[in-house]
């Protein structure tokens, strides 16, 4: 009997969660980021929007319309809010902007810059480690001399270098493979990928350098 009640409660929880997820509105921002929640009311220049944050917390925000590309209701119907207006700096046509925003969206959801974070961390740490290496004398080895300030330039060099890297857009990154032939989609994807790439490289290398200095101090 207890097992049956438990199963019933679990099923009710699953159904209620699925219903809540299905009832959500989806807001696609001009930046390519997606917000899920519920549009409460539309005003002249903004929406009252209940935004579901990570962890299930709800935050009430005023979402200005110029930040919104489209709204998708719980039935999956997308309503494009964006309008081409050169006087307001909106030079792209509706379809061109759609492809660019879709590219940004897919880059946010699919492109992973973790390898660059790890590489930056390894380079930063190694720079400090080798800077402490004593090559001559009976005390040759790591942590045998004080590190210089030279490793501090590693994050700068690596971050500048990451700006010029190109991200290959794999088929699995795209929500629709036909988008890969669209220049505006590629432009949007590369824009977000570049930002993620630069941030990961910078923070990884900074943490790596800081870890190297910390390890040296602990060794003493």
C-alpha atoms as a PDB file:
ATOM      1  CA  UNK A   1       0.000   0.000   0.000  1.00  0.00           C
ATOM      2  CA  UNK A   2       2.803   2.404   0.935  1.00  0.00           C
ATOM      3  CA  UNK A   3       4.634   1.572  -2.277  1.00  0.00           C
ATOM      4  CA  UNK A   4       1.503   2.328  -4.335  1.00  0.00           C
ATOM      5  CA  UNK A   5       1.049   5.697  -2.628  1.00  0.00           C
ATOM      6  CA  UNK A   6       4.718   6.529  -3.182  1.00  0.00           C
ATOM      7  CA  UNK A   7       4.456   5.628  -6.870  1.00  0.00           C
ATOM      8  CA  UNK A   8       1.355   7.780  -7.188  1.00  0.00           C
ATOM      9  CA  UNK A   9       3.084  10.771  -5.611  1.00  0.00           C
ATOM     10  CA  UNK A  10       6.109  10.341  -7.866  1.00  0.00           C
ATOM     11  CA  UNK A  11       3.907  10.173 -10.961  1.00  0.00           C
ATOM     12  CA  UNK A  12       1.963  13.238  -9.871  1.00  0.00           C
ATOM     13  CA  UNK A  13       5.227  15.129  -9.370  1.00  0.00           C
ATOM     14  CA  UNK A  14       6.496  14.095 -12.810  1.00  0.00           C
ATOM     15  CA  UNK A  15       3.240  15.092 -14.507  1.00  0.00           C
ATOM     16  CA  UNK A  16       3.066  18.425 -12.693  1.00  0.00           C
ATOM     17  CA  UNK A  17       6.683  19.203 -13.595  1.00  0.00           C
ATOM     18  CA  UNK A  18       6.117  18.262 -17.222  1.00  0.00           C
ATOM     19  CA  UNK A  19       2.938  20.381 -17.331  1.00  0.00           C
ATOM     20  CA  UNK A  20       4.749  23.370 -15.842  1.00  0.00           C
ATOM     21  CA  UNK A  21       7.587  23.041 -18.374  1.00  0.00           C
ATOM     22  CA  UNK A  22       5.108  22.731 -21.254  1.00  0.00           C
ATOM     23  CA  UNK A  23       3.185  25.795 -20.076  1.00  0.00           C
ATOM     24  CA  UNK A  24       6.248  28.015 -20.139  1.00  0.00           C
ATOM     25  CA  UNK A  25       6.792  30.833 -22.605  1.00  0.00           C
ATOM     26  CA  UNK A  26      10.208  31.088 -24.229  1.00  0.00           C
ATOM     27  CA  UNK A  27      11.856  34.444 -24.853  1.00  0.00           C
ATOM     28  CA  UNK A  28      14.696  34.575 -27.369  1.00  0.00           C
ATOM     29  CA  UNK A  29      16.774  37.674 -26.699  1.00  0.00           C
ATOM     30  CA  UNK A  30      18.658  39.627 -29.345  1.00  0.00           C
ATOM     31  CA  UNK A  31      21.849  38.351 -27.733  1.00  0.00           C
ATOM     32  CA  UNK A  32      20.836  34.751 -28.466  1.00  0.00           C
ATOM     33  CA  UNK A  33      20.140  33.890 -24.832  1.00  0.00           C
ATOM     34  CA  UNK A  34      16.900  32.093 -24.026  1.00  0.00           C
ATOM     35  CA  UNK A  35      14.713  32.891 -21.021  1.00  0.00           C
ATOM     36  CA  UNK A  36      11.949  30.553 -19.923  1.00  0.00           C
ATOM     37  CA  UNK A  37       9.016  31.682 -17.838  1.00  0.00           C
ATOM     38  CA  UNK A  38       5.684  33.376 -18.309  1.00  0.00           C
ATOM     39  CA  UNK A  39       4.746  36.660 -19.965  1.00  0.00           C
ATOM     40  CA  UNK A  40       2.298  38.201 -17.508  1.00  0.00           C
ATOM     41  CA  UNK A  41       1.391  41.405 -19.295  1.00  0.00           C
ATOM     42  CA  UNK A  42       2.469  43.427 -22.325  1.00  0.00           C
ATOM     43  CA  UNK A  43       3.054  47.180 -22.045  1.00  0.00           C
ATOM     44  CA  UNK A  44       4.033  49.721 -24.691  1.00  0.00           C
ATOM     45  CA  UNK A  45       7.776  49.255 -24.269  1.00  0.00           C
ATOM     46  CA  UNK A  46       8.199  46.184 -22.111  1.00  0.00           C
ATOM     47  CA  UNK A  47       6.772  42.921 -20.811  1.00  0.00           C
ATOM     48  CA  UNK A  48       6.073  41.869 -17.240  1.00  0.00           C
ATOM     49  CA  UNK A  49       7.902  38.562 -17.246  1.00  0.00           C
ATOM     50  CA  UNK A  50       8.240  35.817 -14.633  1.00  0.00           C
ATOM     51  CA  UNK A  51      11.680  34.390 -15.248  1.00  0.00           C
ATOM     52  CA  UNK A  52      12.548  30.873 -14.090  1.00  0.00           C
ATOM     53  CA  UNK A  53      16.137  30.901 -12.840  1.00  0.00           C
ATOM     54  CA  UNK A  54      18.342  27.867 -12.307  1.00  0.00           C
ATOM     55  CA  UNK A  55      17.185  25.931  -9.285  1.00  0.00           C
ATOM     56  CA  UNK A  56      13.536  26.737  -9.959  1.00  0.00           C
ATOM     57  CA  UNK A  57      13.476  30.212  -8.391  1.00  0.00           C
ATOM     58  CA  UNK A  58      11.145  32.726 -10.006  1.00  0.00           C
ATOM     59  CA  UNK A  59      12.183  36.325 -10.615  1.00  0.00           C
ATOM     60  CA  UNK A  60       9.821  39.049 -11.779  1.00  0.00           C
ATOM     61  CA  UNK A  61      11.433  41.370 -14.325  1.00  0.00           C
ATOM     62  CA  UNK A  62      10.472  44.144 -16.715  1.00  0.00           C
ATOM     63  CA  UNK A  63      11.787  42.920 -20.061  1.00  0.00           C
ATOM     64  CA  UNK A  64      12.259  45.774 -22.514  1.00  0.00           C
ATOM     65  CA  UNK A  65      11.076  44.983 -26.028  1.00  0.00           C
ATOM     66  CA  UNK A  66      14.229  46.129 -27.820  1.00  0.00           C
ATOM     67  CA  UNK A  67      16.076  43.243 -26.120  1.00  0.00           C
ATOM     68  CA  UNK A  68      13.605  40.655 -27.447  1.00  0.00           C
ATOM     69  CA  UNK A  69      13.838  38.964 -30.839  1.00  0.00           C
ATOM     70  CA  UNK A  70      10.906  36.600 -30.470  1.00  0.00           C
ATOM     71  CA  UNK A  71       8.372  35.092 -28.090  1.00  0.00           C
ATOM     72  CA  UNK A  72       7.383  31.429 -28.296  1.00  0.00           C
ATOM     73  CA  UNK A  73       4.235  30.417 -26.451  1.00  0.00           C
ATOM     74  CA  UNK A  74       3.536  27.123 -24.701  1.00  0.00           C
ATOM     75  CA  UNK A  75       2.123  25.686 -27.958  1.00  0.00           C
ATOM     76  CA  UNK A  76       5.426  26.282 -29.768  1.00  0.00           C
ATOM     77  CA  UNK A  77       4.233  29.219 -31.898  1.00  0.00           C
ATOM     78  CA  UNK A  78       7.016  31.772 -32.393  1.00  0.00           C
ATOM     79  CA  UNK A  79       6.111  35.461 -32.709  1.00  0.00           C
ATOM     80  CA  UNK A  80       9.003  37.562 -34.012  1.00  0.00           C
ATOM     81  CA  UNK A  81       9.077  40.937 -32.257  1.00  0.00           C
ATOM     82  CA  UNK A  82      12.096  42.320 -34.112  1.00  0.00           C
ATOM     83  CA  UNK A  83      11.450  44.869 -36.836  1.00  0.00           C
ATOM     84  CA  UNK A  84      13.945  46.247 -39.315  1.00  0.00           C
ATOM     85  CA  UNK A  85      14.406  49.977 -38.730  1.00  0.00           C
ATOM     86  CA  UNK A  86      17.585  51.671 -39.928  1.00  0.00           C
ATOM     87  CA  UNK A  87      16.786  54.796 -37.890  1.00  0.00           C
ATOM     88  CA  UNK A  88      17.084  52.689 -34.721  1.00  0.00           C
ATOM     89  CA  UNK A  89      20.185  50.871 -35.941  1.00  0.00           C
ATOM     90  CA  UNK A  90      18.305  47.699 -36.946  1.00  0.00           C
ATOM     91  CA  UNK A  91      19.790  47.267 -40.424  1.00  0.00           C
ATOM     92  CA  UNK A  92      19.258  43.519 -40.845  1.00  0.00           C
ATOM     93  CA  UNK A  93      16.100  42.169 -42.424  1.00  0.00           C
ATOM     94  CA  UNK A  94      13.892  39.994 -40.241  1.00  0.00           C
ATOM     95  CA  UNK A  95      15.256  36.758 -41.747  1.00  0.00           C
ATOM     96  CA  UNK A  96      18.881  37.924 -41.591  1.00  0.00           C
ATOM     97  CA  UNK A  97      18.522  38.831 -37.928  1.00  0.00           C
ATOM     98  CA  UNK A  98      16.704  35.578 -37.267  1.00  0.00           C
ATOM     99  CA  UNK A  99      19.639  33.584 -38.611  1.00  0.00           C
ATOM    100  CA  UNK A 100      22.153  35.644 -36.634  1.00  0.00           C
ATOM    101  CA  UNK A 101      20.213  35.285 -33.381  1.00  0.00           C
ATOM    102  CA  UNK A 102      19.758  31.554 -33.998  1.00  0.00           C
ATOM    103  CA  UNK A 103      23.520  31.273 -34.464  1.00  0.00           C
ATOM    104  CA  UNK A 104      24.119  33.047 -31.165  1.00  0.00           C
ATOM    105  CA  UNK A 105      21.540  30.848 -29.437  1.00  0.00           C
ATOM    106  CA  UNK A 106      23.146  27.636 -30.694  1.00  0.00           C
ATOM    107  CA  UNK A 107      26.603  28.834 -29.657  1.00  0.00           C
ATOM    108  CA  UNK A 108      25.369  29.536 -26.132  1.00  0.00           C
ATOM    109  CA  UNK A 109      23.765  26.108 -25.821  1.00  0.00           C
ATOM    110  CA  UNK A 110      26.208  23.871 -27.722  1.00  0.00           C
ATOM    111  CA  UNK A 111      29.689  25.390 -27.980  1.00  0.00           C
ATOM    112  CA  UNK A 112      31.969  24.374 -25.115  1.00  0.00           C
ATOM    113  CA  UNK A 113      35.063  26.445 -24.367  1.00  0.00           C
ATOM    114  CA  UNK A 114      36.169  24.260 -21.437  1.00  0.00           C
ATOM    115  CA  UNK A 115      39.221  22.890 -23.316  1.00  0.00           C
ATOM    116  CA  UNK A 116      40.542  26.440 -23.681  1.00  0.00           C
ATOM    117  CA  UNK A 117      39.992  27.055 -19.970  1.00  0.00           C
ATOM    118  CA  UNK A 118      41.990  23.927 -19.156  1.00  0.00           C
ATOM    119  CA  UNK A 119      44.721  24.859 -21.649  1.00  0.00           C
ATOM    120  CA  UNK A 120      44.963  28.376 -20.226  1.00  0.00           C
ATOM    121  CA  UNK A 121      45.170  27.002 -16.703  1.00  0.00           C
ATOM    122  CA  UNK A 122      47.925  24.552 -17.702  1.00  0.00           C
ATOM    123  CA  UNK A 123      49.968  27.211 -19.519  1.00  0.00           C
ATOM    124  CA  UNK A 124      49.620  29.699 -16.681  1.00  0.00           C
ATOM    125  CA  UNK A 125      50.583  27.166 -14.030  1.00  0.00           C
ATOM    126  CA  UNK A 126      53.487  25.826 -16.101  1.00  0.00           C
ATOM    127  CA  UNK A 127      54.813  29.339 -16.692  1.00  0.00           C
ATOM    128  CA  UNK A 128      55.186  29.909 -12.951  1.00  0.00           C
ATOM    129  CA  UNK A 129      56.468  26.379 -12.352  1.00  0.00           C
ATOM    130  CA  UNK A 130      59.279  26.639 -14.888  1.00  0.00           C
ATOM    131  CA  UNK A 131      60.104  30.157 -13.732  1.00  0.00           C
ATOM    132  CA  UNK A 132      61.048  28.670 -10.353  1.00  0.00           C
ATOM    133  CA  UNK A 133      63.310  26.019 -11.905  1.00  0.00           C
ATOM    134  CA  UNK A 134      67.008  26.269 -11.057  1.00  0.00           C
ATOM    135  CA  UNK A 135      69.068  24.750 -13.859  1.00  0.00           C
ATOM    136  CA  UNK A 136      72.534  25.048 -12.304  1.00  0.00           C
ATOM    137  CA  UNK A 137      74.180  24.044  -9.069  1.00  0.00           C
ATOM    138  CA  UNK A 138      73.546  21.328  -6.516  1.00  0.00           C
ATOM    139  CA  UNK A 139      70.018  22.609  -5.805  1.00  0.00           C
ATOM    140  CA  UNK A 140      68.788  22.305  -9.366  1.00  0.00           C
ATOM    141  CA  UNK A 141      65.064  21.675  -9.635  1.00  0.00           C
ATOM    142  CA  UNK A 142      61.656  23.252  -9.248  1.00  0.00           C
ATOM    143  CA  UNK A 143      60.908  25.855  -6.547  1.00  0.00           C
ATOM    144  CA  UNK A 144      64.627  26.506  -6.091  1.00  0.00           C
ATOM    145  CA  UNK A 145      64.394  30.160  -7.021  1.00  0.00           C
ATOM    146  CA  UNK A 146      61.784  32.886  -6.648  1.00  0.00           C
ATOM    147  CA  UNK A 147      59.475  33.334  -9.629  1.00  0.00           C
ATOM    148  CA  UNK A 148      59.683  36.619 -11.515  1.00  0.00           C
ATOM    149  CA  UNK A 149      56.771  38.735 -12.665  1.00  0.00           C
ATOM    150  CA  UNK A 150      57.153  37.365 -16.203  1.00  0.00           C
ATOM    151  CA  UNK A 151      54.326  34.772 -15.869  1.00  0.00           C
ATOM    152  CA  UNK A 152      51.874  37.615 -15.348  1.00  0.00           C
ATOM    153  CA  UNK A 153      51.996  38.384 -19.077  1.00  0.00           C
ATOM    154  CA  UNK A 154      50.843  34.833 -19.924  1.00  0.00           C
ATOM    155  CA  UNK A 155      47.099  35.600 -19.524  1.00  0.00           C
ATOM    156  CA  UNK A 156      47.506  38.688 -21.695  1.00  0.00           C
ATOM    157  CA  UNK A 157      49.321  36.841 -24.475  1.00  0.00           C
ATOM    158  CA  UNK A 158      47.001  33.827 -24.444  1.00  0.00           C
ATOM    159  CA  UNK A 159      43.856  35.964 -24.360  1.00  0.00           C
ATOM    160  CA  UNK A 160      45.005  38.097 -27.303  1.00  0.00           C
ATOM    161  CA  UNK A 161      45.897  34.929 -29.177  1.00  0.00           C
ATOM    162  CA  UNK A 162      42.441  33.431 -28.556  1.00  0.00           C
ATOM    163  CA  UNK A 163      40.852  36.435 -30.271  1.00  0.00           C
ATOM    164  CA  UNK A 164      42.338  35.347 -33.593  1.00  0.00           C
ATOM    165  CA  UNK A 165      41.328  31.688 -33.331  1.00  0.00           C
ATOM    166  CA  UNK A 166      38.441  30.465 -35.449  1.00  0.00           C
ATOM    167  CA  UNK A 167      35.795  28.132 -34.125  1.00  0.00           C
ATOM    168  CA  UNK A 168      34.777  25.304 -36.432  1.00  0.00           C
ATOM    169  CA  UNK A 169      31.005  25.007 -36.325  1.00  0.00           C
ATOM    170  CA  UNK A 170      30.298  21.281 -36.114  1.00  0.00           C
ATOM    171  CA  UNK A 171      27.072  19.788 -37.393  1.00  0.00           C
ATOM    172  CA  UNK A 172      26.039  18.773 -33.888  1.00  0.00           C
ATOM    173  CA  UNK A 173      26.276  22.396 -32.753  1.00  0.00           C
ATOM    174  CA  UNK A 174      23.519  23.521 -35.122  1.00  0.00           C
ATOM    175  CA  UNK A 175      19.856  23.072 -34.243  1.00  0.00           C
ATOM    176  CA  UNK A 176      19.293  22.700 -38.004  1.00  0.00           C
ATOM    177  CA  UNK A 177      22.158  21.641 -40.301  1.00  0.00           C
ATOM    178  CA  UNK A 178      20.798  23.794 -43.141  1.00  0.00           C
ATOM    179  CA  UNK A 179      21.760  26.842 -41.071  1.00  0.00           C
ATOM    180  CA  UNK A 180      25.433  26.021 -41.636  1.00  0.00           C
ATOM    181  CA  UNK A 181      25.142  27.408 -45.159  1.00  0.00           C
ATOM    182  CA  UNK A 182      23.861  30.766 -43.953  1.00  0.00           C
ATOM    183  CA  UNK A 183      26.426  33.548 -43.508  1.00  0.00           C
ATOM    184  CA  UNK A 184      24.338  35.353 -40.882  1.00  0.00           C
ATOM    185  CA  UNK A 185      23.986  32.208 -38.794  1.00  0.00           C
ATOM    186  CA  UNK A 186      27.759  31.678 -38.967  1.00  0.00           C
ATOM    187  CA  UNK A 187      28.356  35.321 -38.033  1.00  0.00           C
ATOM    188  CA  UNK A 188      26.133  35.046 -34.968  1.00  0.00           C
ATOM    189  CA  UNK A 189      27.637  31.730 -33.864  1.00  0.00           C
ATOM    190  CA  UNK A 190      31.203  32.987 -34.239  1.00  0.00           C
ATOM    191  CA  UNK A 191      30.394  36.141 -32.269  1.00  0.00           C
ATOM    192  CA  UNK A 192      29.272  34.233 -29.163  1.00  0.00           C
ATOM    193  CA  UNK A 193      31.921  31.524 -29.578  1.00  0.00           C
ATOM    194  CA  UNK A 194      34.615  34.208 -29.630  1.00  0.00           C
ATOM    195  CA  UNK A 195      33.309  35.746 -26.411  1.00  0.00           C
ATOM    196  CA  UNK A 196      33.196  32.371 -24.649  1.00  0.00           C
ATOM    197  CA  UNK A 197      36.631  31.473 -26.019  1.00  0.00           C
ATOM    198  CA  UNK A 198      38.257  34.696 -24.800  1.00  0.00           C
ATOM    199  CA  UNK A 199      36.663  34.514 -21.345  1.00  0.00           C
ATOM    200  CA  UNK A 200      37.646  30.883 -20.825  1.00  0.00           C
ATOM    201  CA  UNK A 201      41.226  31.475 -21.921  1.00  0.00           C
ATOM    202  CA  UNK A 202      41.602  34.547 -19.724  1.00  0.00           C
ATOM    203  CA  UNK A 203      40.112  33.093 -16.548  1.00  0.00           C
ATOM    204  CA  UNK A 204      41.855  29.757 -17.021  1.00  0.00           C
ATOM    205  CA  UNK A 205      45.278  31.341 -17.447  1.00  0.00           C
ATOM    206  CA  UNK A 206      44.758  33.763 -14.546  1.00  0.00           C
ATOM    207  CA  UNK A 207      43.775  30.907 -12.240  1.00  0.00           C
ATOM    208  CA  UNK A 208      46.733  28.892 -13.505  1.00  0.00           C
ATOM    209  CA  UNK A 209      49.224  31.674 -12.769  1.00  0.00           C
ATOM    210  CA  UNK A 210      47.672  32.351  -9.367  1.00  0.00           C
ATOM    211  CA  UNK A 211      47.801  28.620  -8.523  1.00  0.00           C
ATOM    212  CA  UNK A 212      51.454  28.501  -9.488  1.00  0.00           C
ATOM    213  CA  UNK A 213      52.369  31.402  -7.195  1.00  0.00           C
ATOM    214  CA  UNK A 214      50.280  29.901  -4.407  1.00  0.00           C
ATOM    215  CA  UNK A 215      51.966  26.517  -4.734  1.00  0.00           C
ATOM    216  CA  UNK A 216      55.386  28.159  -4.647  1.00  0.00           C
ATOM    217  CA  UNK A 217      54.532  30.042  -1.461  1.00  0.00           C
ATOM    218  CA  UNK A 218      53.165  26.880   0.152  1.00  0.00           C
ATOM    219  CA  UNK A 219      56.335  24.999  -0.755  1.00  0.00           C
ATOM    220  CA  UNK A 220      58.335  27.517   1.237  1.00  0.00           C
END
